[in-house]
Amino acid sequence: MSQTTPTARVCRDCDGFATATITTGLRTIDGTRNTIRVHCPSCRGLGRTAPTALVRAGK
């Protein structure tokens, strides 16, 4: 019998891509682009979510 490995639950809002880097259109003094990092609000940048039972229990 084969055994399955438990997998982490992927965030349904960001599909596991929790952080995006966006350019602002401006450049810094040394000529590189100015960027900001934006995190998924649902998983707070983790890319995975806790099982619903744990969220309801407050753990």
C-alpha atoms as a PDB file:
ATOM      1  CA  MET A   1       0.000   0.000   0.000  1.00  0.00           C
ATOM      2  CA  SER A   2       1.384   3.401  -0.891  1.00  0.00           C
ATOM      3  CA  GLN A   3       1.577   6.148   1.667  1.00  0.00           C
ATOM      4  CA  THR A   4       0.627   9.698   0.946  1.00  0.00           C
ATOM      5  CA  THR A   5       2.478  12.676   2.292  1.00  0.00           C
ATOM      6  CA  PRO A   6       0.439  15.517   3.752  1.00  0.00           C
ATOM      7  CA  THR A   7       0.715  18.687   1.732  1.00  0.00           C
ATOM      8  CA  ALA A   8       0.348  22.238   2.932  1.00  0.00           C
ATOM      9  CA  ARG A   9      -2.944  23.887   2.068  1.00  0.00           C
ATOM     10  CA  VAL A  10      -2.337  26.449  -0.669  1.00  0.00           C
ATOM     11  CA  CYS A  11      -4.028  29.830  -0.241  1.00  0.00           C
ATOM     12  CA  ARG A  12      -7.109  30.017  -2.450  1.00  0.00           C
ATOM     13  CA  ASP A  13      -6.693  33.747  -3.099  1.00  0.00           C
ATOM     14  CA  CYS A  14      -3.068  33.893  -4.246  1.00  0.00           C
ATOM     15  CA  ASP A  15      -2.629  30.238  -5.298  1.00  0.00           C
ATOM     16  CA  GLY A  16       0.667  30.027  -3.419  1.00  0.00           C
ATOM     17  CA  PHE A  17       2.232  33.151  -4.959  1.00  0.00           C
ATOM     18  CA  ALA A  18       1.929  35.212  -1.790  1.00  0.00           C
ATOM     19  CA  THR A  19       4.291  38.098  -2.528  1.00  0.00           C
ATOM     20  CA  ALA A  20       4.534  40.283  -5.610  1.00  0.00           C
ATOM     21  CA  THR A  21       7.149  42.918  -6.395  1.00  0.00           C
ATOM     22  CA  ILE A  22       5.770  45.936  -8.212  1.00  0.00           C
ATOM     23  CA  THR A  23       7.768  48.737  -9.785  1.00  0.00           C
ATOM     24  CA  THR A  24       6.643  52.258  -8.978  1.00  0.00           C
ATOM     25  CA  GLY A  25       7.965  53.738 -12.222  1.00  0.00           C
ATOM     26  CA  LEU A  26      10.583  55.764 -10.386  1.00  0.00           C
ATOM     27  CA  ARG A  27      14.322  55.206 -10.237  1.00  0.00           C
ATOM     28  CA  THR A  28      16.692  55.451  -7.312  1.00  0.00           C
ATOM     29  CA  ILE A  29      19.840  57.591  -7.303  1.00  0.00           C
ATOM     30  CA  ASP A  30      21.997  54.710  -8.580  1.00  0.00           C
ATOM     31  CA  GLY A  31      19.617  54.076 -11.520  1.00  0.00           C
ATOM     32  CA  THR A  32      17.835  50.945 -10.335  1.00  0.00           C
ATOM     33  CA  ARG A  33      14.055  50.762 -10.286  1.00  0.00           C
ATOM     34  CA  ASN A  34      12.181  51.576  -7.109  1.00  0.00           C
ATOM     35  CA  THR A  35      10.019  48.597  -6.109  1.00  0.00           C
ATOM     36  CA  ILE A  36       7.545  47.733  -3.392  1.00  0.00           C
ATOM     37  CA  ARG A  37       6.572  44.305  -2.092  1.00  0.00           C
ATOM     38  CA  VAL A  38       2.900  43.460  -1.720  1.00  0.00           C
ATOM     39  CA  HIS A  39       1.683  40.491   0.330  1.00  0.00           C
ATOM     40  CA  CYS A  40      -1.554  38.556  -0.037  1.00  0.00           C
ATOM     41  CA  PRO A  41      -3.986  39.840   2.617  1.00  0.00           C
ATOM     42  CA  SER A  42      -5.581  36.423   3.167  1.00  0.00           C
ATOM     43  CA  CYS A  43      -2.469  34.418   4.037  1.00  0.00           C
ATOM     44  CA  ARG A  44      -0.293  37.411   5.048  1.00  0.00           C
ATOM     45  CA  GLY A  45       2.461  36.475   2.628  1.00  0.00           C
ATOM     46  CA  LEU A  46       2.831  32.822   3.614  1.00  0.00           C
ATOM     47  CA  GLY A  47       1.285  31.204   0.528  1.00  0.00           C
ATOM     48  CA  ARG A  48      -0.630  28.685   2.576  1.00  0.00           C
ATOM     49  CA  THR A  49      -3.595  28.750   4.892  1.00  0.00           C
ATOM     50  CA  ALA A  50      -4.447  26.968   8.111  1.00  0.00           C
ATOM     51  CA  PRO A  51      -7.177  24.320   8.058  1.00  0.00           C
ATOM     52  CA  THR A  52     -10.602  25.772   8.793  1.00  0.00           C
ATOM     53  CA  ALA A  53     -10.998  23.725  11.977  1.00  0.00           C
ATOM     54  CA  LEU A  54      -7.918  25.348  13.506  1.00  0.00           C
ATOM     55  CA  VAL A  55      -9.027  28.844  12.510  1.00  0.00           C
ATOM     56  CA  ARG A  56     -12.425  28.359  14.142  1.00  0.00           C
ATOM     57  CA  ALA A  57     -10.834  26.939  17.289  1.00  0.00           C
ATOM     58  CA  GLY A  58      -8.587  29.982  17.541  1.00  0.00           C
ATOM     59  CA  LYS A  59      -5.318  28.050  17.460  1.00  0.00           C
END
